[in-house]
Structures are given as structure tokens and as C-alpha cells.
Protein backbone atom coordinates (compact mmCIF):
# COMPACT_ATOMS: atom_id res chain seq x y z
CA MET A 1 239.95 30.18 139.31
CA LYS A 2 237.68 32.71 140.99
CA ILE A 3 235.39 34.52 138.53
CA TYR A 4 233.68 37.87 139.12
CA VAL A 5 230.16 38.14 137.67
CA ALA A 6 228.32 41.49 137.50
CA SER A 7 225.01 42.72 136.15
CA ILE A 8 223.25 39.67 137.61
CA PRO A 9 219.47 40.13 137.60
CA PHE A 10 218.17 40.61 141.16
CA ARG A 11 215.82 37.60 140.84
CA THR A 12 218.66 35.21 139.93
CA SER A 13 219.40 32.43 142.42
CA GLU A 14 222.78 30.87 143.05
CA ASP A 15 221.43 27.67 141.44
CA ASP A 16 220.52 29.64 138.27
CA LEU A 17 224.04 31.05 138.09
CA ARG A 18 225.61 27.66 138.78
CA SER A 19 223.61 26.15 135.89
CA ALA A 20 224.91 28.76 133.46
CA PHE A 21 228.54 28.08 134.42
CA GLU A 22 228.18 24.28 134.56
CA ASN A 23 227.78 24.34 130.77
CA TYR A 24 231.55 25.01 130.72
CA GLY A 25 232.76 22.63 133.44
CA ASP A 26 232.61 21.73 137.12
CA VAL A 27 231.70 24.57 139.47
CA SER A 28 233.09 24.35 143.00
CA SER A 29 231.18 27.30 144.50
CA VAL A 30 228.77 30.12 143.70
CA ARG A 31 228.07 33.16 145.84
CA ILE A 32 225.77 36.05 145.01
CA ILE A 33 226.58 39.02 147.24
CA LYS A 34 223.62 40.32 149.25
CA ASP A 35 222.92 43.53 151.11
CA ARG A 36 223.49 43.03 154.84
CA GLU A 37 220.30 44.75 155.93
CA THR A 38 217.75 43.76 153.26
CA GLN A 39 219.28 40.44 152.14
CA ARG A 40 218.53 41.45 148.52
CA SER A 41 221.04 40.68 145.81
CA ARG A 42 223.51 43.47 145.07
CA GLY A 43 223.70 42.33 141.43
CA PHE A 44 227.14 40.74 141.50
CA GLY A 45 228.82 37.62 142.76
CA PHE A 46 231.59 35.08 142.40
CA VAL A 47 231.87 31.65 140.82
CA GLU A 48 234.80 29.31 141.47
CA MET A 49 235.89 26.65 139.02
CA ASP A 50 238.78 24.26 139.71
CA ASN A 51 239.89 23.90 136.10
CA ASP A 52 241.42 27.15 134.78
CA SER A 53 240.80 26.32 131.11
CA ASP A 54 237.11 25.60 131.85
CA ALA A 55 236.94 28.87 133.78
CA GLN A 56 238.48 30.80 130.88
CA SER A 57 235.99 29.18 128.49
CA ALA A 58 233.15 30.27 130.79
CA ILE A 59 234.51 33.83 130.89
CA ASP A 60 234.84 33.92 127.09
CA GLY A 61 231.41 32.38 126.56
CA LEU A 62 229.39 34.29 129.14
CA ASN A 63 230.93 37.78 129.17
CA GLY A 64 228.53 40.05 127.29
CA SER A 65 225.92 37.31 126.92
CA GLU A 66 222.24 37.80 127.73
CA PHE A 67 221.19 36.09 130.95
CA GLN A 68 217.62 36.44 132.27
CA GLY A 69 217.19 39.72 130.41
CA ARG A 70 220.53 41.36 131.33
CA GLU A 71 223.97 41.40 129.74
CA LEU A 72 226.47 39.74 132.07
CA VAL A 73 229.92 41.12 132.84
CA VAL A 74 232.23 38.17 133.53
CA ASN A 75 235.98 38.27 134.20
CA GLU A 76 238.66 36.81 136.42
CA ALA A 77 238.33 38.12 139.97
CA ARG A 78 241.11 40.34 141.22
CA PRO A 79 242.33 40.30 144.83
CA ARG A 80 240.34 42.60 147.09
CA GLU A 81 242.01 45.93 147.76
CA GLU A 82 241.86 47.57 151.16
CA GLN A 83 240.02 50.87 151.06
CA PRO A 84 241.59 53.84 152.88
CA GLY A 85 239.76 54.83 156.04
CA ARG A 86 238.19 51.44 156.61
CA ASN A 87 239.40 49.51 159.61
CA ARG A 88 238.76 45.80 159.64
CA PHE A 89 238.67 44.07 163.00
């Protein structure tokens, strides 16, 4: 299951985020989204867990929890929607 994580503190590393989710099960990947020009965190990212019940436990346990001074928003990722007026090549 792919999990969307928002309100990530800008100083958080992918290893920090992985550690938080590993308390609920095996994590297959972690990606914090960064600005293309500055390479600074944009404050959100994605975590993938192979076991759906572990992923749901992580969502239930971490959504609204305090993490490095901020309250995380954690839910199942939805498929990306194409935005009108944007051409992808």
C-alpha cells in the first residue's frame, strides 16, 4: 500500500520517516518530495508498505500524531490526477 504523509517537518530525513513507519511493519520505500530548484523538502512524501494491514495500522497510529514537533497527516495515497492545462511529455 502506498501511504501519503503530509506536514513533515522540513528537517526530517527519509531515514527518520522510515523509522517511524517501521514500528508498524516492513517498509519497502520512503520518498520525501523535494523542490526541483532548491532541493528542500516540500513537507510531504510517500511511504510504501507491502502488507496492507501493517500499512493500515501505521495510518491509524500515525495520523494526527506528533512527529518532530509537527502533527502528521497520514492516509492512503490516491492515484495522481492529471491537471488541466499541463502537458506531460
